[in-house]
């Protein structure tokens, strides 16, 4: 869930945009994003092991900061994940159309993007209804295939940049635009890491949460961070930041085409297809658990918490997740979907850090996490401050 949700824009959208703003130093921007994500992942992991319940951030904030902040965050998680899922589904349709075009299938003026997104959204909602195990199995297979393609691509690209295949690439100056754009770009690309907290949203379905929750959160951030930094190194080595920037949001496809031709472009487009599929599947699963948890606290009507006795899944909550997702997917407004999802997620992540500080200060008797954050005031405080700063940069810099 963590890796499958986070692998997305950082590889398939941002390399050209980030390189245009910061040059090869965009790799540092992704590294900064990973460090901030870890500062938030650690408090999230502690709260999740103390409260391994479906709902994740909503449950932590409502217990740590009170009913009103919890209610606001609970509704925000629901809406944020709904907007994010719709964004992924539109992206899925776009990648599917691009794969068909690269393969020589003439789709012409046939509108395939939105219909494919809608069909996929309906399929994933139904799959989650018929059992968490089925959705988890699909997630494992999709993420496994996605990582295989990316590791092969980045491995080949890295060896090419180092001169194993022919001559080594001539490196350009690491930070041609100075240090300031590195931090501004970090604010832009941090949205690529908005996914690890979804692990906590399904904590009620995870076995051995005391061990597996912290391990999953930290490991997923580290894995994705390494992939992102390597992607920027490979991409800027292949073309240079100026040329890479000219490709815009399709830069990584052109990098793959440069390596192995049309086959490489198709392979990386298929990887993008898998990334959007895994992100949408994980988000639908997480959204339903968030709705389920909020309904249990009577913020939403009680019927939203009903369980399907045959499959053991919250079928009403799934409908409240899948229904709005399909409506938003039908609009096709990619930019609006992404901006709303990012705004709501950044606020929630910052409040999770604040909730940990409040919970540690009050320390109720029932609070007994299996994992405790070392130097928690520093980690949680810096994490919250960094998130608010990133949020200000996104708004102030016109990036959101």
Protein backbone atom coordinates (compact mmCIF):
# COMPACT_ATOMS: atom_id res chain seq x y z
CA UNK A 1 0.00 0.00 0.00
CA UNK A 2 2.73 2.45 0.92
CA UNK A 3 5.01 1.86 -2.06
CA UNK A 4 2.13 1.38 -4.46
CA UNK A 5 0.56 4.69 -3.47
CA UNK A 6 3.73 6.77 -3.47
CA UNK A 7 5.29 5.59 -6.73
CA UNK A 8 3.68 7.90 -9.22
CA UNK A 9 4.24 11.57 -9.92
CA UNK A 10 7.82 11.48 -8.64
CA UNK A 11 8.82 9.26 -11.56
CA UNK A 12 6.14 9.74 -14.21
CA UNK A 13 5.41 13.49 -13.96
CA UNK A 14 8.00 15.46 -11.97
CA UNK A 15 11.49 14.65 -13.41
CA UNK A 16 11.25 17.16 -16.26
CA UNK A 17 9.55 19.82 -14.14
CA UNK A 18 11.96 19.38 -11.21
CA UNK A 19 15.07 19.37 -13.43
CA UNK A 20 13.89 22.57 -15.07
CA UNK A 21 13.66 24.29 -11.68
CA UNK A 22 16.73 22.91 -9.88
CA UNK A 23 18.86 21.08 -12.45
CA UNK A 24 20.53 17.83 -11.30
CA UNK A 25 20.16 19.16 -7.73
CA UNK A 26 16.50 18.12 -8.04
CA UNK A 27 17.82 14.79 -6.72
CA UNK A 28 18.52 16.69 -3.51
CA UNK A 29 14.95 18.01 -3.55
CA UNK A 30 13.63 14.46 -3.59
CA UNK A 31 16.05 13.51 -0.80
CA UNK A 32 14.80 16.44 1.32
CA UNK A 33 11.25 15.28 0.67
CA UNK A 34 12.15 11.77 1.83
CA UNK A 35 13.69 13.08 5.07
CA UNK A 36 10.59 15.15 5.84
CA UNK A 37 8.40 12.15 5.04
CA UNK A 38 10.41 10.06 7.51
CA UNK A 39 9.97 12.75 10.18
CA UNK A 40 6.21 12.34 9.73
CA UNK A 41 6.27 8.56 9.26
CA UNK A 42 7.84 7.97 12.68
CA UNK A 43 5.11 9.82 14.67
CA UNK A 44 2.46 8.16 12.50
CA UNK A 45 3.97 4.75 13.25
CA UNK A 46 3.92 5.34 17.01
CA UNK A 47 0.31 6.51 17.00
CA UNK A 48 -0.67 3.60 14.77
CA UNK A 49 0.86 0.98 17.07
CA UNK A 50 -0.95 2.56 20.03
CA UNK A 51 -4.24 2.76 18.10
CA UNK A 52 -4.20 0.09 15.37
CA UNK A 53 -7.68 0.96 14.19
CA UNK A 54 -9.18 1.65 10.79
CA UNK A 55 -9.22 5.38 10.16
CA UNK A 56 -5.56 6.27 10.57
CA UNK A 57 -4.99 10.02 10.79
CA UNK A 58 -8.58 10.73 11.78
CA UNK A 59 -8.41 8.34 14.72
CA UNK A 60 -5.06 9.72 15.94
CA UNK A 61 -6.04 13.38 15.70
CA UNK A 62 -9.48 12.94 17.26
CA UNK A 63 -7.94 11.13 20.26
CA UNK A 64 -4.95 13.45 20.55
CA UNK A 65 -6.43 16.87 19.78
CA UNK A 66 -10.14 16.47 20.41
CA UNK A 67 -13.42 15.83 18.62
CA UNK A 68 -13.60 19.02 16.53
CA UNK A 69 -10.12 18.76 14.91
CA UNK A 70 -10.77 15.04 14.49
CA UNK A 71 -14.08 15.66 12.74
CA UNK A 72 -12.49 18.21 10.39
CA UNK A 73 -9.61 15.87 9.58
CA UNK A 74 -11.93 12.87 9.22
CA UNK A 75 -14.00 14.61 6.56
CA UNK A 76 -10.79 15.96 4.99
CA UNK A 77 -9.29 12.47 4.73
CA UNK A 78 -12.43 11.21 3.06
CA UNK A 79 -12.54 14.06 0.57
CA UNK A 80 -8.76 14.14 0.06
CA UNK A 81 -8.60 10.45 -0.77
CA UNK A 82 -11.65 10.72 -3.03
CA UNK A 83 -10.01 13.53 -5.02
CA UNK A 84 -6.68 11.67 -5.10
CA UNK A 85 -8.32 8.45 -6.32
CA UNK A 86 -10.11 10.30 -9.10
CA UNK A 87 -6.78 11.88 -10.08
CA UNK A 88 -5.17 8.43 -10.28
CA UNK A 89 -8.02 7.02 -12.36
CA UNK A 90 -7.83 9.84 -14.89
CA UNK A 91 -4.09 9.23 -15.03
CA UNK A 92 -4.73 5.52 -15.58
CA UNK A 93 -6.92 6.30 -18.57
CA UNK A 94 -4.28 8.67 -19.96
CA UNK A 95 -1.50 6.09 -19.65
CA UNK A 96 -3.70 3.39 -21.20
CA UNK A 97 -4.39 5.64 -24.20
CA UNK A 98 -0.67 6.44 -24.50
CA UNK A 99 0.26 2.74 -24.44
CA UNK A 100 -2.25 2.06 -27.22
CA UNK A 101 -0.88 4.97 -29.25
CA UNK A 102 2.75 3.83 -28.85
CA UNK A 103 1.75 0.29 -29.83
CA UNK A 104 0.25 1.63 -33.05
CA UNK A 105 -3.39 1.16 -32.10
CA UNK A 106 -5.30 4.02 -33.69
CA UNK A 107 -7.68 5.45 -31.11
CA UNK A 108 -7.89 8.73 -33.01
CA UNK A 109 -10.57 11.01 -31.67
CA UNK A 110 -12.26 8.23 -29.69
CA UNK A 111 -12.64 9.43 -26.05
CA UNK A 112 -11.04 6.56 -24.13
CA UNK A 113 -9.39 8.27 -21.15
CA UNK A 114 -12.46 8.97 -18.99
CA UNK A 115 -14.35 5.73 -19.86
CA UNK A 116 -11.27 3.65 -18.98
CA UNK A 117 -10.89 5.52 -15.71
CA UNK A 118 -14.56 4.98 -14.84
CA UNK A 119 -14.48 1.27 -15.68
CA UNK A 120 -11.32 0.79 -13.62
CA UNK A 121 -12.79 2.69 -10.67
CA UNK A 122 -15.93 0.54 -10.73
CA UNK A 123 -13.84 -2.63 -10.96
CA UNK A 124 -11.60 -1.67 -8.02
CA UNK A 125 -14.57 -0.71 -5.85
CA UNK A 126 -16.22 -4.07 -6.57
CA UNK A 127 -12.95 -5.91 -5.91
CA UNK A 128 -12.60 -4.26 -2.49
CA UNK A 129 -16.21 -5.15 -1.73
CA UNK A 130 -15.54 -8.85 -2.28
CA UNK A 131 -12.80 -8.99 0.35
CA UNK A 132 -9.72 -7.14 1.54
CA UNK A 133 -7.58 -10.17 0.68
CA UNK A 134 -8.46 -9.87 -3.01
CA UNK A 135 -7.61 -6.17 -3.11
CA UNK A 136 -4.37 -6.83 -1.21
CA UNK A 137 -3.42 -9.64 -3.61
CA UNK A 138 -3.96 -7.38 -6.63
CA UNK A 139 -1.87 -4.70 -4.92
CA UNK A 140 1.01 -7.11 -4.30
CA UNK A 141 1.10 -8.35 -7.89
CA UNK A 142 0.81 -4.89 -9.42
CA UNK A 143 3.48 -3.34 -7.17
CA UNK A 144 5.80 -6.32 -7.73
CA UNK A 145 5.57 -5.96 -11.51
CA UNK A 146 5.90 -2.18 -11.27
CA UNK A 147 9.08 -2.40 -9.17
CA UNK A 148 10.54 -4.99 -11.55
CA UNK A 149 10.12 -2.66 -14.54
CA UNK A 150 11.48 0.35 -12.64
CA UNK A 151 14.51 -1.46 -11.22
CA UNK A 152 15.44 -2.78 -14.68
CA UNK A 153 14.97 0.66 -16.23
CA UNK A 154 16.89 2.55 -13.54
CA UNK A 155 19.59 -0.11 -13.38
CA UNK A 156 20.17 0.11 -17.13
CA UNK A 157 20.05 3.91 -17.02
CA UNK A 158 22.47 4.09 -14.11
CA UNK A 159 25.00 1.82 -15.83
CA UNK A 160 24.62 3.88 -19.00
CA UNK A 161 25.28 7.12 -17.10
CA UNK A 162 28.38 5.61 -15.47
CA UNK A 163 29.80 4.58 -18.85
CA UNK A 164 29.36 0.81 -18.58
CA UNK A 165 27.52 0.95 -21.92
CA UNK A 166 29.68 3.24 -24.04
CA UNK A 167 31.06 6.51 -22.70
CA UNK A 168 30.02 8.09 -19.44
CA UNK A 169 27.67 11.06 -19.58
CA UNK A 170 29.29 14.45 -19.10
CA UNK A 171 27.80 15.81 -15.89
CA UNK A 172 26.55 19.37 -15.80
CA UNK A 173 26.92 21.61 -12.78
CA UNK A 174 24.99 20.03 -9.89
CA UNK A 175 23.09 23.16 -8.82
CA UNK A 176 23.12 25.53 -11.84
CA UNK A 177 20.37 27.74 -10.37
CA UNK A 178 21.71 27.90 -6.81
CA UNK A 179 20.44 26.42 -3.55
CA UNK A 180 17.09 28.21 -3.17
CA UNK A 181 15.32 26.37 -6.04
CA UNK A 182 16.28 23.06 -4.43
CA UNK A 183 14.02 23.82 -1.46
CA UNK A 184 11.23 25.28 -3.60
CA UNK A 185 11.34 22.16 -5.75
CA UNK A 186 11.25 20.03 -2.60
CA UNK A 187 7.88 21.62 -1.80
CA UNK A 188 6.62 20.65 -5.25
CA UNK A 189 7.85 17.05 -5.23
CA UNK A 190 6.90 16.31 -1.61
CA UNK A 191 3.42 15.54 -2.86
CA UNK A 192 5.02 12.40 -4.33
CA UNK A 193 5.41 11.06 -0.77
CA UNK A 194 1.77 11.56 0.21
CA UNK A 195 0.94 7.88 0.66
CA UNK A 196 2.69 6.22 3.56
CA UNK A 197 0.03 7.36 6.05
CA UNK A 198 -2.51 5.32 4.11
CA UNK A 199 -0.90 2.28 5.73
CA UNK A 200 -2.20 3.53 9.08
CA UNK A 201 -5.66 4.02 7.59
CA UNK A 202 -5.97 0.24 7.18
CA UNK A 203 -4.24 -0.57 10.49
CA UNK A 204 -7.27 -2.54 11.64
CA UNK A 205 -6.63 -5.05 8.85
CA UNK A 206 -2.89 -5.50 9.46
CA UNK A 207 -1.45 -8.53 11.30
CA UNK A 208 1.12 -7.89 14.08
CA UNK A 209 0.66 -4.09 13.87
CA UNK A 210 3.27 -3.41 16.54
CA UNK A 211 5.96 -4.76 14.23
CA UNK A 212 4.57 -4.35 10.74
CA UNK A 213 3.22 -0.77 10.89
CA UNK A 214 6.53 1.00 11.69
CA UNK A 215 8.44 -1.33 9.37
CA UNK A 216 6.05 -0.72 6.47
CA UNK A 217 5.98 3.07 6.88
CA UNK A 218 9.72 3.59 7.20
CA UNK A 219 10.69 1.01 4.57
CA UNK A 220 8.20 2.32 2.01
CA UNK A 221 9.52 5.90 2.34
CA UNK A 222 13.14 4.72 2.05
CA UNK A 223 12.44 2.50 -0.99
CA UNK A 224 10.50 5.19 -2.82
CA UNK A 225 13.04 7.90 -1.90
CA UNK A 226 15.89 5.82 -3.39
CA UNK A 227 13.89 5.24 -6.57
CA UNK A 228 13.10 8.96 -6.92
CA UNK A 229 16.69 10.15 -6.39
CA UNK A 230 17.97 7.51 -8.83
CA UNK A 231 15.37 8.58 -11.41
CA UNK A 232 16.61 12.18 -11.39
CA UNK A 233 20.24 10.99 -11.69
CA UNK A 234 19.40 8.77 -14.66
CA UNK A 235 17.18 11.34 -16.36
CA UNK A 236 19.57 14.30 -16.07
CA UNK A 237 22.47 12.08 -17.15
CA UNK A 238 20.57 11.04 -20.27
CA UNK A 239 19.57 14.50 -21.51
CA UNK A 240 20.67 17.29 -19.21
CA UNK A 241 18.25 19.42 -17.24
CA UNK A 242 17.44 21.91 -20.03
CA UNK A 243 16.46 19.26 -22.57
CA UNK A 244 14.67 17.26 -19.88
CA UNK A 245 12.64 20.31 -18.91
CA UNK A 246 11.54 20.81 -22.52
CA UNK A 247 9.86 17.39 -22.45
CA UNK A 248 7.62 18.51 -19.57
CA UNK A 249 5.49 15.84 -17.92
CA UNK A 250 6.49 13.12 -20.42
CA UNK A 251 10.21 13.46 -19.75
CA UNK A 252 10.71 9.98 -18.31
CA UNK A 253 9.05 8.40 -21.35
CA UNK A 254 11.56 10.17 -23.61
CA UNK A 255 14.43 8.98 -21.38
CA UNK A 256 13.26 5.39 -21.78
CA UNK A 257 12.87 5.88 -25.53
CA UNK A 258 16.42 7.22 -25.68
CA UNK A 259 17.72 4.04 -24.05
CA UNK A 260 15.91 1.29 -25.98
CA UNK A 261 13.59 2.94 -28.47
CA UNK A 262 9.84 2.43 -28.71
CA UNK A 263 10.01 -0.70 -26.54
CA UNK A 264 11.45 1.38 -23.71
CA UNK A 265 8.75 4.01 -24.09
CA UNK A 266 6.02 1.35 -23.99
CA UNK A 267 7.61 -0.33 -20.96
CA UNK A 268 7.73 2.89 -18.94
CA UNK A 269 4.17 3.76 -19.98
CA UNK A 270 3.05 0.35 -18.74
CA UNK A 271 4.87 1.10 -15.48
CA UNK A 272 2.90 4.36 -15.27
CA UNK A 273 -0.28 2.41 -15.91
CA UNK A 274 0.56 0.03 -13.06
CA UNK A 275 1.50 2.92 -10.75
CA UNK A 276 -1.83 4.69 -11.21
CA UNK A 277 -3.70 1.38 -10.83
CA UNK A 278 -1.95 0.54 -7.54
CA UNK A 279 -2.44 4.09 -6.22
CA UNK A 280 -6.15 4.03 -7.04
CA UNK A 281 -6.64 0.58 -5.48
CA UNK A 282 -4.84 1.54 -2.26
CA UNK A 283 -6.74 4.82 -2.04
CA UNK A 284 -10.16 3.20 -2.44
CA UNK A 285 -9.26 0.71 0.30
CA UNK A 286 -8.04 3.52 2.58
CA UNK A 287 -10.99 5.80 1.86
CA UNK A 288 -13.52 3.17 2.86
CA UNK A 289 -11.70 2.57 6.16
CA UNK A 290 -11.61 6.30 6.89
CA UNK A 291 -15.37 6.59 6.26
CA UNK A 292 -15.96 3.51 8.42
CA UNK A 293 -13.98 4.99 11.34
CA UNK A 294 -15.67 8.40 11.13
CA UNK A 295 -19.11 6.77 11.11
CA UNK A 296 -18.25 4.82 14.28
CA UNK A 297 -17.81 8.15 16.08
CA UNK A 298 -21.21 9.35 14.79
CA UNK A 299 -19.70 12.11 12.64
CA UNK A 300 -21.24 10.40 9.64
CA UNK A 301 -24.53 8.46 9.80
CA UNK A 302 -24.28 5.11 11.57
CA UNK A 303 -25.29 3.15 8.48
CA UNK A 304 -21.93 4.07 6.91
CA UNK A 305 -20.32 1.65 9.37
CA UNK A 306 -22.34 -1.38 8.33
CA UNK A 307 -20.37 -4.50 7.44
CA UNK A 308 -21.09 -7.01 4.71
CA UNK A 309 -21.49 -10.26 6.65
CA UNK A 310 -20.48 -12.42 3.69
CA UNK A 311 -17.21 -10.71 2.81
CA UNK A 312 -16.41 -8.86 6.05
CA UNK A 313 -16.01 -5.51 4.28
CA UNK A 314 -17.66 -2.10 4.96
CA UNK A 315 -19.87 -2.11 1.88
CA UNK A 316 -21.66 1.19 2.59
CA UNK A 317 -18.34 2.96 3.23
CA UNK A 318 -17.00 1.52 -0.02
CA UNK A 319 -20.01 2.93 -1.86
CA UNK A 320 -19.39 6.32 -0.21
CA UNK A 321 -15.82 6.09 -1.48
CA UNK A 322 -16.39 4.68 -4.94
CA UNK A 323 -19.46 6.73 -5.83
CA UNK A 324 -17.93 10.23 -5.45
CA UNK A 325 -14.72 8.96 -7.05
CA UNK A 326 -16.57 8.01 -10.21
CA UNK A 327 -18.36 11.37 -10.32
CA UNK A 328 -15.07 13.28 -9.99
CA UNK A 329 -13.32 11.01 -12.49
CA UNK A 330 -16.01 11.86 -15.03
CA UNK A 331 -15.02 15.55 -14.81
CA UNK A 332 -11.47 14.82 -15.96
CA UNK A 333 -10.17 17.96 -14.16
CA UNK A 334 -6.71 16.59 -13.37
CA UNK A 335 -5.13 19.78 -11.99
CA UNK A 336 -8.00 20.55 -9.62
CA UNK A 337 -8.11 16.96 -8.37
CA UNK A 338 -4.38 16.95 -7.61
CA UNK A 339 -4.37 20.36 -5.91
CA UNK A 340 -7.27 19.61 -3.56
CA UNK A 341 -5.82 16.21 -2.62
CA UNK A 342 -2.38 17.70 -1.87
CA UNK A 343 -3.78 20.56 0.24
CA UNK A 344 -5.91 18.26 2.42
CA UNK A 345 -3.12 15.69 2.87
CA UNK A 346 -0.49 18.24 3.92
CA UNK A 347 -2.75 19.63 6.65
CA UNK A 348 -3.50 16.15 7.98
CA UNK A 349 0.16 15.11 8.05
CA UNK A 350 1.14 18.20 10.03
CA UNK A 351 -1.65 17.64 12.56
CA UNK A 352 -0.54 14.02 13.06
CA UNK A 353 2.81 15.35 14.34
CA UNK A 354 1.00 17.77 16.66
CA UNK A 355 -1.24 14.93 17.88
CA UNK A 356 1.80 12.87 18.91
CA UNK A 357 3.16 15.74 21.02
CA UNK A 358 -0.24 16.20 22.69
CA UNK A 359 -0.63 12.48 23.33
CA UNK A 360 2.84 12.16 24.89
CA UNK A 361 2.21 15.15 27.17
CA UNK A 362 -1.13 13.84 28.39
CA UNK A 363 -0.13 10.15 28.26
CA UNK A 364 -3.52 8.53 29.04
CA UNK A 365 -3.43 5.13 30.73
CA UNK A 366 -4.53 3.27 27.62
CA UNK A 367 -1.73 4.77 25.53
CA UNK A 368 0.81 1.96 25.19
CA UNK A 369 2.47 2.02 21.73
CA UNK A 370 4.67 -0.89 20.68
CA UNK A 371 6.96 1.63 18.97
CA UNK A 372 8.08 4.95 20.45
CA UNK A 373 9.71 7.78 18.50
CA UNK A 374 13.14 8.68 19.87
CA UNK A 375 13.51 12.38 20.72
CA UNK A 376 9.82 12.74 19.89
CA UNK A 377 9.44 16.52 20.55
CA UNK A 378 12.25 17.26 18.08
CA UNK A 379 11.15 14.77 15.43
CA UNK A 380 7.45 15.67 15.58
CA UNK A 381 8.11 19.41 15.94
CA UNK A 382 10.51 19.60 13.01
CA UNK A 383 8.18 17.40 10.95
CA UNK A 384 5.16 19.63 11.60
CA UNK A 385 7.16 22.81 10.99
CA UNK A 386 8.59 21.47 7.74
CA UNK A 387 5.13 20.51 6.49
CA UNK A 388 3.66 23.93 7.25
CA UNK A 389 6.66 25.52 5.50
CA UNK A 390 6.17 23.31 2.44
CA UNK A 391 2.51 24.22 2.43
CA UNK A 392 3.36 27.93 2.54
CA UNK A 393 5.86 27.50 -0.31
CA UNK A 394 3.28 25.67 -2.42
CA UNK A 395 0.74 28.43 -1.93
CA UNK A 396 3.16 31.35 -2.04
CA UNK A 397 5.05 30.03 -5.03
CA UNK A 398 1.91 29.40 -7.03
CA UNK A 399 2.70 25.69 -7.15
CA UNK A 400 -0.68 24.72 -5.75
